[in-house]
Amino acid sequence: MPTQREQNIIEEFQRRRTRMMHSFGFCILLIILGLFILQVIDNRPVFLGISLPAWKSFAAVQLVLGVVMAVRGYWQYRCPVCEEIVKGHDKYYFGVLTDPERCPSCRSKLRE
């Protein structure tokens, strides 16, 4: 049975984890939408009465927003105790552990 402090840490980390997963999911949707728009306008240059440059601009904005959302999700995914990003291996690896039991840096319990 975790103590109250451990329970608060676990709840805060799970809240951050959920927010990170939502950011990554939204990122994937934005990138797919941007690529889909680029694919459609190749076949129909004037789709829905909107010109080709406007569609390309809209698709570029979707792709940039997708990247921004991915970076935002990555940077907010931190351990509540040591505030380190919960990375998978070492300081050169950009991947994160999606549901670790303990923080790799401070060994705080992050999951029940």
Protein backbone atom coordinates (compact mmCIF):
# COMPACT_ATOMS: atom_id res chain seq x y z
CA MET A 1 0.00 0.00 0.00
CA PRO A 2 1.63 3.27 -1.08
CA THR A 3 1.86 6.16 1.34
CA GLN A 4 -0.11 9.36 0.71
CA ARG A 5 2.99 11.07 -0.73
CA GLU A 6 3.66 8.14 -3.09
CA GLN A 7 0.00 8.11 -4.10
CA ASN A 8 0.13 11.84 -4.94
CA ILE A 9 3.28 11.28 -7.03
CA ILE A 10 1.65 8.38 -8.87
CA GLU A 11 -1.52 10.39 -9.57
CA GLU A 12 0.47 13.41 -10.82
CA PHE A 13 2.62 11.25 -13.09
CA GLN A 14 -0.41 9.43 -14.50
CA ARG A 15 -2.03 12.83 -15.20
CA ARG A 16 1.13 13.92 -17.07
CA ARG A 17 1.25 10.59 -18.90
CA THR A 18 -2.35 10.97 -20.05
CA ARG A 19 -1.67 14.51 -21.26
CA MET A 20 1.42 13.31 -23.16
CA MET A 21 -0.51 10.49 -24.82
CA HIS A 22 -3.27 12.90 -25.86
CA SER A 23 -0.68 15.29 -27.31
CA PHE A 24 0.94 12.48 -29.31
CA GLY A 25 -2.43 11.23 -30.53
CA PHE A 26 -3.44 14.72 -31.64
CA CYS A 27 -0.02 15.11 -33.27
CA ILE A 28 -0.54 11.96 -35.32
CA LEU A 29 -3.99 13.14 -36.42
CA LEU A 30 -2.63 16.54 -37.52
CA ILE A 31 0.18 14.97 -39.51
CA ILE A 32 -2.19 12.49 -41.17
CA LEU A 33 -4.57 15.35 -42.02
CA GLY A 34 -1.73 17.40 -43.53
CA LEU A 35 -0.52 14.47 -45.63
CA PHE A 36 -4.07 13.65 -46.71
CA ILE A 37 -4.63 17.23 -47.86
CA LEU A 38 -1.40 17.13 -49.88
CA GLN A 39 -2.51 13.87 -51.47
CA VAL A 40 -5.98 15.20 -52.38
CA ILE A 41 -4.74 18.45 -53.89
CA ASP A 42 -2.37 16.54 -56.18
CA ASN A 43 -5.44 15.06 -57.89
CA ARG A 44 -7.74 18.10 -57.63
CA PRO A 45 -5.83 21.42 -57.71
CA VAL A 46 -9.00 23.47 -57.03
CA PHE A 47 -10.77 21.42 -54.37
CA LEU A 48 -13.88 22.99 -52.77
CA GLY A 49 -13.17 26.23 -54.59
CA ILE A 50 -9.91 26.79 -52.71
CA SER A 51 -6.74 27.36 -54.71
CA LEU A 52 -3.68 25.13 -54.70
CA PRO A 53 -1.42 27.57 -52.77
CA ALA A 54 -4.04 27.94 -50.03
CA TRP A 55 -4.30 24.15 -49.63
CA LYS A 56 -0.52 23.80 -49.54
CA SER A 57 -0.32 26.49 -46.86
CA PHE A 58 -3.04 24.80 -44.84
CA ALA A 59 -1.27 21.42 -45.11
CA ALA A 60 2.04 22.99 -44.07
CA VAL A 61 0.39 24.53 -41.02
CA GLN A 62 -1.09 21.12 -40.09
CA LEU A 63 2.32 19.46 -40.35
CA VAL A 64 4.03 22.17 -38.28
CA LEU A 65 1.30 22.02 -35.62
CA GLY A 66 1.73 18.25 -35.47
CA VAL A 67 5.45 18.61 -34.80
CA VAL A 68 4.83 21.33 -32.19
CA MET A 69 2.30 19.11 -30.40
CA ALA A 70 4.77 16.20 -30.37
CA VAL A 71 7.53 18.36 -28.87
CA ARG A 72 5.08 19.83 -26.34
CA GLY A 73 4.02 16.34 -25.26
CA TYR A 74 7.63 15.22 -24.98
CA TRP A 75 8.76 18.18 -22.85
CA GLN A 76 5.88 17.96 -20.37
CA TYR A 77 6.39 14.25 -19.66
CA ARG A 78 8.50 14.57 -16.52
CA CYS A 79 8.85 12.81 -13.19
CA PRO A 80 6.96 14.78 -10.51
CA VAL A 81 9.82 14.33 -8.03
CA CYS A 82 13.02 15.07 -9.95
CA GLU A 83 11.45 16.86 -12.97
CA GLU A 84 13.56 14.78 -15.39
CA ILE A 85 12.04 13.57 -18.66
CA VAL A 86 11.30 9.86 -18.31
CA LYS A 87 13.63 8.64 -21.07
CA GLY A 88 14.08 5.06 -22.10
CA HIS A 89 17.85 4.56 -22.15
CA ASP A 90 20.32 7.41 -21.88
CA LYS A 91 20.67 11.16 -22.45
CA TYR A 92 21.10 10.72 -26.23
CA TYR A 93 17.95 8.65 -26.71
CA PHE A 94 14.87 10.79 -27.41
CA GLY A 95 12.28 8.08 -26.72
CA VAL A 96 10.31 7.99 -23.51
CA LEU A 97 9.03 5.13 -21.42
CA THR A 98 5.26 5.23 -21.78
CA ASP A 99 4.32 3.52 -18.52
CA PRO A 100 7.35 2.95 -16.29
CA GLU A 101 7.04 1.50 -12.83
CA ARG A 102 9.84 3.71 -11.50
CA CYS A 103 11.63 6.85 -12.63
CA PRO A 104 14.98 5.97 -14.24
CA SER A 105 16.65 8.98 -12.58
CA CYS A 106 15.42 9.11 -8.98
CA ARG A 107 13.77 5.66 -8.71
CA SER A 108 10.48 7.15 -7.43
CA LYS A 109 7.47 4.91 -7.82
CA LEU A 110 5.33 6.09 -10.76
CA ARG A 111 2.80 3.27 -11.09
CA GLU A 112 0.94 1.05 -8.66
